Amino acid sequence: MMSISQHADGEIRMIVAEGIALKGSVPTGEVTTKVQFNKGVRQFMKEWTEEGPSHHSSVCIGHISNKLEKFAGILDIEFSNI
């Protein structure tokens, strides 16, 4: 899951979290995909919301956080991996 957000000072940031799509989910990465993260739901939601994501997020297929981190580096924007 990936979100682009903005600090109060205008600086852009990318927020990423990787999980596993659960059996029975639509394998397209759409909004109804059920995902299990490496921590409990309560802890994940606490950490995700503390990062200040925007209302919209993208759900991607594959483990690509390392590619997104490199891309954020090229753009010279903050990167946060939950």
Protein backbone atom coordinates (compact mmCIF):
# COMPACT_ATOMS: atom_id res chain seq x y z
CA MET A 1 0.00 0.00 0.00
CA MET A 2 1.35 3.43 -0.85
CA SER A 3 0.22 6.96 -0.12
CA ILE A 4 1.65 10.33 -1.04
CA SER A 5 1.19 12.98 1.63
CA GLN A 6 2.39 16.44 2.49
CA HIS A 7 3.79 18.00 5.67
CA ALA A 8 2.41 21.33 6.91
CA ASP A 9 5.54 23.00 5.47
CA GLY A 10 4.70 21.66 1.98
CA GLU A 11 7.31 18.88 1.87
CA ILE A 12 6.08 15.76 0.06
CA ARG A 13 6.42 12.29 1.55
CA MET A 14 5.75 8.71 0.43
CA ILE A 15 4.30 6.25 2.93
CA VAL A 16 4.50 2.52 2.18
CA ALA A 17 3.39 -0.70 3.88
CA GLU A 18 3.78 -4.25 2.60
CA GLY A 19 1.46 -7.11 3.43
CA ILE A 20 0.09 -10.33 2.00
CA ALA A 21 -3.22 -10.60 0.14
CA LEU A 22 -5.33 -13.20 1.90
CA LYS A 23 -6.87 -16.20 0.17
CA GLY A 24 -10.20 -15.37 -1.39
CA SER A 25 -9.26 -11.77 -2.16
CA VAL A 26 -9.45 -10.38 -5.65
CA PRO A 27 -5.79 -10.57 -6.80
CA THR A 28 -5.82 -7.24 -8.61
CA GLY A 29 -4.84 -4.99 -5.74
CA GLU A 30 -8.20 -3.27 -5.70
CA VAL A 31 -9.88 -1.77 -2.63
CA THR A 32 -11.65 -4.98 -1.60
CA THR A 33 -8.38 -6.90 -1.32
CA LYS A 34 -8.01 -8.27 2.21
CA VAL A 35 -4.44 -7.80 3.41
CA GLN A 36 -2.54 -9.11 6.40
CA PHE A 37 0.36 -6.97 7.60
CA ASN A 38 3.32 -8.08 9.71
CA LYS A 39 1.70 -6.66 12.84
CA GLY A 40 -1.79 -6.64 14.31
CA VAL A 41 -4.47 -4.48 12.74
CA ARG A 42 -4.59 -2.07 15.69
CA GLN A 43 -0.80 -1.53 15.66
CA PHE A 44 -0.71 -1.20 11.88
CA MET A 45 -3.51 1.39 11.82
CA LYS A 46 -1.84 3.35 14.64
CA GLU A 47 1.48 3.49 12.79
CA TRP A 48 -0.12 4.14 9.38
CA THR A 49 -2.26 7.05 10.59
CA GLU A 50 0.60 8.56 12.61
CA GLU A 51 2.47 8.96 9.31
CA GLY A 52 -0.34 11.22 8.01
CA PRO A 53 -1.37 9.47 4.79
CA SER A 54 -3.73 11.17 2.37
CA HIS A 55 -7.30 9.93 2.00
CA HIS A 56 -6.43 7.91 -1.11
CA SER A 57 -3.87 5.13 -1.27
CA SER A 58 -2.69 2.73 -3.94
CA VAL A 59 -2.63 -1.01 -3.49
CA CYS A 60 0.06 -2.64 -5.60
CA ILE A 61 0.82 -6.24 -6.48
CA GLY A 62 4.22 -7.58 -5.52
CA HIS A 63 6.77 -6.62 -2.90
CA ILE A 64 8.10 -3.37 -4.34
CA SER A 65 8.84 -1.20 -1.31
CA ASN A 66 12.56 -1.21 -2.18
CA LYS A 67 11.76 0.14 -5.67
CA LEU A 68 9.44 2.78 -4.21
CA GLU A 69 12.16 3.80 -1.75
CA LYS A 70 14.65 4.23 -4.60
CA PHE A 71 12.05 6.24 -6.54
CA ALA A 72 11.46 8.50 -3.51
CA GLY A 73 15.23 8.99 -3.31
CA ILE A 74 15.38 10.03 -6.97
CA LEU A 75 12.56 12.52 -6.33
CA ASP A 76 14.32 13.63 -3.14
CA ILE A 77 11.22 13.15 -1.00
CA GLU A 78 10.84 11.59 2.45
CA PHE A 79 10.08 7.87 2.51
CA SER A 80 8.44 5.98 5.35
CA ASN A 81 8.00 2.20 5.43
CA ILE A 82 5.50 0.99 8.05
